[in-house]
């Protein structure tokens, strides 16, 4: 499914509206980019989208180039315009697209489209193998609590954020639609998957259902 169809918007609206959908979006992008080593030369963006995280990472690492991976060719056109000559692109899914040797990998609000934990574990294994020694994987995503009551409260606060820009009915519809299409792996389970792939993990930022995680090879 394309980004526009998933969010129910015109693609040209994405960058202007993503913050109305996801709480603390800009903060998470900034925290994720700040975790990229400044000496990075090559990094992969898994699900590059319009290139928001990649652009912040390129500003952080002035000698770096990014390889953006995405299935959505329309959204990659926006990323290409945004990132310019420092970017190249691979069209394909996380599971099958070739991952070049790299110093780092990043992903923001993309890996929750992976349907099973086994598939996510396999991806983390492939990323670990692609990274050079001391390479890092930085992920920004919805990683709620394991406890049902805490998780429910986290999603209630997400709903409150949506109500700042949308009617109560529309807010409920959006969150319900995303929860059917996306797979939000609890943070504890996510860390287990990363460690199982050989990473050492560190939570850089956490609020409600959202987290920024740095995983080192």
Protein backbone atom coordinates (compact mmCIF):
# COMPACT_ATOMS: atom_id res chain seq x y z
CA UNK A 1 0.00 0.00 0.00
CA UNK A 2 1.30 3.47 -0.88
CA UNK A 3 2.01 6.06 1.81
CA UNK A 4 -0.79 8.29 0.53
CA UNK A 5 -3.34 5.47 0.61
CA UNK A 6 -2.20 4.32 4.04
CA UNK A 7 -2.68 7.78 5.54
CA UNK A 8 -5.66 8.75 3.40
CA UNK A 9 -4.07 11.96 2.13
CA UNK A 10 -2.66 13.48 -1.04
CA UNK A 11 1.06 12.76 -1.13
CA UNK A 12 1.90 16.43 -1.49
CA UNK A 13 0.41 16.99 1.99
CA UNK A 14 2.59 14.40 3.72
CA UNK A 15 5.30 16.58 5.23
CA UNK A 16 2.83 19.22 6.36
CA UNK A 17 0.46 16.73 8.00
CA UNK A 18 2.64 13.98 9.43
CA UNK A 19 3.04 15.91 12.68
CA UNK A 20 -0.74 16.04 13.08
CA UNK A 21 -0.80 12.24 12.92
CA UNK A 22 2.22 11.34 15.07
CA UNK A 23 2.98 13.05 18.40
CA UNK A 24 6.50 14.44 18.87
CA UNK A 25 7.34 13.60 15.26
CA UNK A 26 9.95 16.32 14.73
CA UNK A 27 11.56 15.64 18.09
CA UNK A 28 11.97 11.96 17.26
CA UNK A 29 13.48 12.73 13.85
CA UNK A 30 15.98 15.10 15.48
CA UNK A 31 16.91 12.60 18.21
CA UNK A 32 17.39 9.84 15.65
CA UNK A 33 19.58 11.99 13.40
CA UNK A 34 21.67 13.17 16.34
CA UNK A 35 22.57 9.52 17.06
CA UNK A 36 24.22 9.08 13.65
CA UNK A 37 28.03 9.19 13.93
CA UNK A 38 29.20 12.41 12.21
CA UNK A 39 31.95 10.49 10.38
CA UNK A 40 29.39 8.24 8.64
CA UNK A 41 30.10 7.87 4.92
CA UNK A 42 27.24 5.60 3.79
CA UNK A 43 23.94 4.84 5.47
CA UNK A 44 20.76 3.05 4.43
CA UNK A 45 17.30 4.48 5.06
CA UNK A 46 14.81 1.60 5.28
CA UNK A 47 11.52 3.03 4.07
CA UNK A 48 12.96 6.40 3.13
CA UNK A 49 9.54 7.98 2.48
CA UNK A 50 9.85 11.66 1.68
CA UNK A 51 13.36 11.72 3.14
CA UNK A 52 12.78 13.61 6.41
CA UNK A 53 15.06 11.43 8.55
CA UNK A 54 17.60 11.02 5.75
CA UNK A 55 17.84 14.81 5.31
CA UNK A 56 18.43 15.32 9.03
CA UNK A 57 21.08 12.58 8.98
CA UNK A 58 22.85 14.15 5.98
CA UNK A 59 23.02 17.43 7.87
CA UNK A 60 24.54 15.56 10.82
CA UNK A 61 27.13 13.72 8.71
CA UNK A 62 28.35 16.17 6.04
CA UNK A 63 30.40 13.59 4.09
CA UNK A 64 27.69 10.93 4.06
CA UNK A 65 25.63 9.51 1.23
CA UNK A 66 22.31 7.74 1.72
CA UNK A 67 20.79 4.74 -0.03
CA UNK A 68 17.02 5.01 0.31
CA UNK A 69 14.99 1.80 0.16
CA UNK A 70 11.24 1.97 -0.49
CA UNK A 71 8.51 0.21 -2.44
CA UNK A 72 6.58 3.41 -3.11
CA UNK A 73 8.07 5.00 -6.23
CA UNK A 74 5.88 8.10 -5.93
CA UNK A 75 7.13 8.94 -2.46
CA UNK A 76 10.72 8.28 -3.52
CA UNK A 77 10.39 11.03 -6.11
CA UNK A 78 9.78 13.47 -3.26
CA UNK A 79 12.79 12.08 -1.41
CA UNK A 80 14.97 12.42 -4.50
CA UNK A 81 14.00 16.08 -4.89
CA UNK A 82 14.69 16.70 -1.21
CA UNK A 83 18.01 14.85 -0.89
CA UNK A 84 19.62 15.67 -4.22
CA UNK A 85 22.93 14.24 -5.41
CA UNK A 86 23.85 12.73 -2.04
CA UNK A 87 21.14 10.08 -2.39
CA UNK A 88 20.60 6.95 -4.45
CA UNK A 89 17.59 4.66 -4.29
CA UNK A 90 16.61 1.01 -4.34
CA UNK A 91 13.00 0.17 -5.21
CA UNK A 92 11.78 -2.86 -3.32
CA UNK A 93 10.69 -4.31 0.01
CA UNK A 94 12.85 -4.51 3.09
CA UNK A 95 12.84 -8.30 2.78
CA UNK A 96 14.22 -8.57 -0.74
CA UNK A 97 16.03 -5.33 -1.58
CA UNK A 98 19.83 -5.65 -1.57
CA UNK A 99 21.45 -3.92 1.39
CA UNK A 100 24.85 -2.44 0.53
CA UNK A 101 27.77 -2.41 2.94
CA UNK A 102 27.27 0.62 5.15
CA UNK A 103 28.27 2.46 8.31
CA UNK A 104 24.71 2.89 9.56
CA UNK A 105 21.07 2.15 8.87
CA UNK A 106 18.06 4.22 9.88
CA UNK A 107 14.29 3.78 9.74
CA UNK A 108 11.42 6.03 10.80
CA UNK A 109 7.80 4.84 10.93
CA UNK A 110 8.43 2.17 8.32
CA UNK A 111 9.29 -1.08 10.06
CA UNK A 112 5.83 -1.39 11.64
CA UNK A 113 4.67 -2.47 8.18
CA UNK A 114 6.50 -5.78 8.67
CA UNK A 115 3.77 -8.29 9.43
CA UNK A 116 5.56 -10.88 11.60
CA UNK A 117 8.26 -10.85 14.23
CA UNK A 118 10.08 -13.62 12.38
CA UNK A 119 10.29 -11.41 9.28
CA UNK A 120 11.50 -8.48 11.37
CA UNK A 121 14.14 -10.65 13.04
CA UNK A 122 15.34 -11.76 9.61
CA UNK A 123 15.61 -8.13 8.48
CA UNK A 124 17.61 -7.20 11.56
CA UNK A 125 19.95 -10.09 10.78
CA UNK A 126 20.45 -8.76 7.24
CA UNK A 127 21.07 -5.23 8.51
CA UNK A 128 23.57 -6.51 11.07
CA UNK A 129 25.44 -8.35 8.29
CA UNK A 130 25.46 -5.23 6.06
CA UNK A 131 26.89 -2.95 8.74
CA UNK A 132 30.60 -2.40 9.05
CA UNK A 133 32.23 -2.95 12.47
CA UNK A 134 30.87 -0.47 15.04
CA UNK A 135 27.99 0.31 12.70
CA UNK A 136 24.64 1.40 14.13
CA UNK A 137 20.95 0.94 13.39
CA UNK A 138 18.68 3.80 14.48
CA UNK A 139 14.93 3.20 14.57
CA UNK A 140 12.07 5.63 15.22
CA UNK A 141 8.67 4.02 15.61
CA UNK A 142 5.59 3.17 17.63
CA UNK A 143 6.76 0.66 20.27
CA UNK A 144 4.02 0.49 22.92
CA UNK A 145 4.07 -1.16 26.32
CA UNK A 146 3.55 -4.87 26.83
CA UNK A 147 1.09 -4.36 29.69
CA UNK A 148 -2.42 -4.01 28.27
CA UNK A 149 -3.56 -1.27 30.64
CA UNK A 150 -0.46 0.83 30.02
CA UNK A 151 -0.73 0.23 26.28
CA UNK A 152 -4.38 1.33 26.29
CA UNK A 153 -3.45 4.54 28.12
CA UNK A 154 -0.68 5.20 25.59
CA UNK A 155 -3.07 4.87 22.67
CA UNK A 156 -5.60 7.08 24.46
CA UNK A 157 -2.96 9.82 24.55
CA UNK A 158 -2.26 9.26 20.86
CA UNK A 159 -5.98 9.72 20.26
CA UNK A 160 -5.87 12.99 22.21
CA UNK A 161 -3.11 14.21 19.90
CA UNK A 162 -5.16 13.35 16.83
CA UNK A 163 -8.13 15.28 18.24
CA UNK A 164 -6.04 18.46 18.14
CA UNK A 165 -6.36 18.37 14.34
CA UNK A 166 -9.34 16.13 13.59
CA UNK A 167 -12.84 15.48 14.85
CA UNK A 168 -13.29 12.80 17.54
CA UNK A 169 -14.90 10.46 15.00
CA UNK A 170 -12.16 11.01 12.41
CA UNK A 171 -9.47 10.54 15.05
CA UNK A 172 -10.92 7.19 16.09
CA UNK A 173 -11.24 6.14 12.46
CA UNK A 174 -7.61 6.97 11.71
CA UNK A 175 -6.23 5.14 14.72
CA UNK A 176 -8.43 2.11 14.09
CA UNK A 177 -7.40 1.94 10.42
CA UNK A 178 -3.69 2.16 11.24
CA UNK A 179 -3.95 -0.46 13.98
CA UNK A 180 -5.41 -2.89 11.43
CA UNK A 181 -2.70 -2.20 8.84
CA UNK A 182 0.36 -1.79 11.09
CA UNK A 183 2.06 -4.11 13.56
CA UNK A 184 3.22 -2.28 16.69
CA UNK A 185 5.70 -4.60 18.39
CA UNK A 186 6.02 -3.79 22.12
CA UNK A 187 9.31 -2.13 22.99
CA UNK A 188 10.50 -5.02 25.19
CA UNK A 189 9.89 -7.52 22.38
CA UNK A 190 11.52 -5.18 19.84
CA UNK A 191 14.68 -5.00 21.93
CA UNK A 192 14.72 -8.80 22.18
CA UNK A 193 14.53 -9.07 18.37
CA UNK A 194 17.42 -6.64 17.96
CA UNK A 195 19.57 -8.39 20.57
CA UNK A 196 18.78 -11.73 18.96
CA UNK A 197 20.26 -10.38 15.72
CA UNK A 198 23.49 -9.52 17.54
CA UNK A 199 22.89 -5.85 18.39
CA UNK A 200 23.59 -4.01 21.63
CA UNK A 201 20.59 -1.74 22.22
CA UNK A 202 20.02 1.61 23.88
CA UNK A 203 16.77 3.55 24.24
CA UNK A 204 17.57 7.15 23.30
CA UNK A 205 14.09 8.63 23.71
CA UNK A 206 10.76 7.31 24.95
CA UNK A 207 7.34 8.89 25.43
CA UNK A 208 4.03 7.05 25.59
CA UNK A 209 3.89 4.55 22.70
CA UNK A 210 6.85 5.99 20.78
CA UNK A 211 10.56 5.35 21.00
CA UNK A 212 13.93 6.05 19.36
CA UNK A 213 16.33 3.13 19.69
CA UNK A 214 20.03 2.95 18.82
CA UNK A 215 21.42 -0.52 18.19
CA UNK A 216 25.16 -1.04 17.79
CA UNK A 217 26.88 -3.86 15.96
